Amino acid sequence: MLDSKLGRFRAIALIEAVSYLILLFIAMPLKYMAGMPEMVKYTGWLHGVLFVAYGILLLQVWIGYKWSFKKTTLVFVSSLVPFAPFFVDRRLKQEDQ
């Protein structure tokens, strides 16, 4: 999976998606219902770093694989919707093979 630009992008996309879900469904409830704001601080920081890496790798894939602007935009927007990156990964896996 890590042998190609697209493979590296897929790996970071999946890790970033998991960090987003942890932030939304674990850290945020802990902050507001259990009074543990440090969970959001650390999870949010990690997610932010992963999101920046996601953006950089998306640019590399866009240029390297000559994706259309529309496809690149859809892949980017999917990173903002919980669970969507897992569906996008299924499509990208076919392209990576």
C-alpha atoms as a PDB file:
ATOM      1  CA  MET A   1       0.000   0.000   0.000  1.00  0.00           C
ATOM      2  CA  LEU A   2       2.845   2.419   0.725  1.00  0.00           C
ATOM      3  CA  ASP A   3       4.651   1.773  -2.559  1.00  0.00           C
ATOM      4  CA  SER A   4       2.868   4.491  -4.537  1.00  0.00           C
ATOM      5  CA  LYS A   5       1.770   8.072  -3.970  1.00  0.00           C
ATOM      6  CA  LEU A   6      -1.830   6.945  -4.066  1.00  0.00           C
ATOM      7  CA  GLY A   7      -1.122   4.176  -1.567  1.00  0.00           C
ATOM      8  CA  ARG A   8       0.506   6.605   0.858  1.00  0.00           C
ATOM      9  CA  PHE A   9      -2.415   8.985   0.402  1.00  0.00           C
ATOM     10  CA  ARG A  10      -4.896   6.195   1.118  1.00  0.00           C
ATOM     11  CA  ALA A  11      -3.021   5.223   4.291  1.00  0.00           C
ATOM     12  CA  ILE A  12      -2.963   8.792   5.632  1.00  0.00           C
ATOM     13  CA  ALA A  13      -6.605   9.285   4.572  1.00  0.00           C
ATOM     14  CA  LEU A  14      -7.693   6.270   6.608  1.00  0.00           C
ATOM     15  CA  ILE A  15      -5.660   7.279   9.660  1.00  0.00           C
ATOM     16  CA  GLU A  16      -6.993  10.835   9.383  1.00  0.00           C
ATOM     17  CA  ALA A  17     -10.555   9.525   9.093  1.00  0.00           C
ATOM     18  CA  VAL A  18     -10.147   7.442  12.242  1.00  0.00           C
ATOM     19  CA  SER A  19      -8.671  10.409  14.117  1.00  0.00           C
ATOM     20  CA  TYR A  20     -11.679  12.510  13.017  1.00  0.00           C
ATOM     21  CA  LEU A  21     -14.104   9.895  14.317  1.00  0.00           C
ATOM     22  CA  ILE A  22     -12.232   9.665  17.617  1.00  0.00           C
ATOM     23  CA  LEU A  23     -12.325  13.451  17.908  1.00  0.00           C
ATOM     24  CA  LEU A  24     -16.048  13.671  17.138  1.00  0.00           C
ATOM     25  CA  PHE A  25     -17.397  10.637  18.947  1.00  0.00           C
ATOM     26  CA  ILE A  26     -15.010  10.115  21.863  1.00  0.00           C
ATOM     27  CA  ALA A  27     -13.030  13.271  22.649  1.00  0.00           C
ATOM     28  CA  MET A  28     -15.852  15.787  22.221  1.00  0.00           C
ATOM     29  CA  PRO A  29     -18.330  13.873  24.410  1.00  0.00           C
ATOM     30  CA  LEU A  30     -15.615  13.438  27.035  1.00  0.00           C
ATOM     31  CA  LYS A  31     -14.973  17.164  26.974  1.00  0.00           C
ATOM     32  CA  TYR A  32     -18.588  18.218  27.346  1.00  0.00           C
ATOM     33  CA  MET A  33     -20.071  15.364  29.368  1.00  0.00           C
ATOM     34  CA  ALA A  34     -17.145  14.293  31.543  1.00  0.00           C
ATOM     35  CA  GLY A  35     -15.273  17.591  31.860  1.00  0.00           C
ATOM     36  CA  MET A  36     -12.093  16.293  30.203  1.00  0.00           C
ATOM     37  CA  PRO A  37     -11.012  19.064  27.783  1.00  0.00           C
ATOM     38  CA  GLU A  38      -7.481  17.663  27.440  1.00  0.00           C
ATOM     39  CA  MET A  39      -8.860  14.845  25.269  1.00  0.00           C
ATOM     40  CA  VAL A  40      -9.912  17.346  22.603  1.00  0.00           C
ATOM     41  CA  LYS A  41      -6.622  19.192  22.923  1.00  0.00           C
ATOM     42  CA  TYR A  42      -4.449  16.178  22.134  1.00  0.00           C
ATOM     43  CA  THR A  43      -6.776  14.420  19.721  1.00  0.00           C
ATOM     44  CA  GLY A  44      -7.441  17.696  17.916  1.00  0.00           C
ATOM     45  CA  TRP A  45      -3.732  18.392  17.597  1.00  0.00           C
ATOM     46  CA  LEU A  46      -3.075  14.941  16.168  1.00  0.00           C
ATOM     47  CA  HIS A  47      -6.014  15.224  13.790  1.00  0.00           C
ATOM     48  CA  GLY A  48      -4.781  18.641  12.637  1.00  0.00           C
ATOM     49  CA  VAL A  49      -1.331  17.291  11.789  1.00  0.00           C
ATOM     50  CA  LEU A  50      -2.881  14.374   9.921  1.00  0.00           C
ATOM     51  CA  PHE A  51      -5.241  16.707   8.047  1.00  0.00           C
ATOM     52  CA  VAL A  52      -2.313  18.834   6.858  1.00  0.00           C
ATOM     53  CA  ALA A  53      -0.518  15.666   5.695  1.00  0.00           C
ATOM     54  CA  TYR A  54      -3.756  14.614   3.959  1.00  0.00           C
ATOM     55  CA  GLY A  55      -3.871  17.939   2.105  1.00  0.00           C
ATOM     56  CA  ILE A  56      -0.238  17.744   1.018  1.00  0.00           C
ATOM     57  CA  LEU A  57      -0.576  14.160  -0.193  1.00  0.00           C
ATOM     58  CA  LEU A  58      -3.839  15.009  -1.969  1.00  0.00           C
ATOM     59  CA  LEU A  59      -2.001  17.716  -3.921  1.00  0.00           C
ATOM     60  CA  GLN A  60       0.732  15.221  -4.833  1.00  0.00           C
ATOM     61  CA  VAL A  61      -1.828  12.671  -6.020  1.00  0.00           C
ATOM     62  CA  TRP A  62      -3.769  15.337  -7.937  1.00  0.00           C
ATOM     63  CA  ILE A  63      -0.655  16.332  -9.860  1.00  0.00           C
ATOM     64  CA  GLY A  64       0.921  12.871 -10.133  1.00  0.00           C
ATOM     65  CA  TYR A  65      -2.207  11.049 -11.290  1.00  0.00           C
ATOM     66  CA  LYS A  66      -3.611  13.992 -13.288  1.00  0.00           C
ATOM     67  CA  TRP A  67      -6.943  13.896 -11.462  1.00  0.00           C
ATOM     68  CA  SER A  68      -9.609  16.338 -12.533  1.00  0.00           C
ATOM     69  CA  PHE A  69     -10.405  19.301 -10.320  1.00  0.00           C
ATOM     70  CA  LYS A  70     -13.854  17.826  -9.690  1.00  0.00           C
ATOM     71  CA  LYS A  71     -12.492  14.482  -8.486  1.00  0.00           C
ATOM     72  CA  THR A  72      -9.909  16.156  -6.273  1.00  0.00           C
ATOM     73  CA  THR A  73     -12.555  18.432  -4.779  1.00  0.00           C
ATOM     74  CA  LEU A  74     -14.887  15.500  -4.083  1.00  0.00           C
ATOM     75  CA  VAL A  75     -12.089  13.569  -2.367  1.00  0.00           C
ATOM     76  CA  PHE A  76     -11.248  16.634  -0.271  1.00  0.00           C
ATOM     77  CA  VAL A  77     -14.870  17.302   0.701  1.00  0.00           C
ATOM     78  CA  SER A  78     -15.296  13.644   1.649  1.00  0.00           C
ATOM     79  CA  SER A  79     -12.638  14.135   4.325  1.00  0.00           C
ATOM     80  CA  LEU A  80     -15.004  16.561   6.063  1.00  0.00           C
ATOM     81  CA  VAL A  81     -17.887  14.076   6.267  1.00  0.00           C
ATOM     82  CA  PRO A  82     -17.613  11.355   8.947  1.00  0.00           C
ATOM     83  CA  PHE A  83     -17.290   7.836   7.474  1.00  0.00           C
ATOM     84  CA  ALA A  84     -17.084   9.113   3.860  1.00  0.00           C
ATOM     85  CA  PRO A  85     -13.321   8.511   3.513  1.00  0.00           C
ATOM     86  CA  PHE A  86     -13.894   4.783   3.980  1.00  0.00           C
ATOM     87  CA  PHE A  87     -16.187   4.714   0.938  1.00  0.00           C
ATOM     88  CA  VAL A  88     -13.765   6.831  -1.084  1.00  0.00           C
ATOM     89  CA  ASP A  89     -10.942   4.451  -0.147  1.00  0.00           C
ATOM     90  CA  ARG A  90     -12.792   1.545  -1.757  1.00  0.00           C
ATOM     91  CA  ARG A  91     -12.796   3.427  -5.055  1.00  0.00           C
ATOM     92  CA  LEU A  92      -9.179   4.519  -4.720  1.00  0.00           C
ATOM     93  CA  LYS A  93      -8.102   0.972  -3.920  1.00  0.00           C
ATOM     94  CA  GLN A  94      -9.315  -0.096  -7.361  1.00  0.00           C
ATOM     95  CA  GLU A  95      -7.382   2.750  -8.968  1.00  0.00           C
ATOM     96  CA  ASP A  96      -4.239   1.871  -7.010  1.00  0.00           C
ATOM     97  CA  GLN A  97      -4.208  -1.719  -8.310  1.00  0.00           C
END
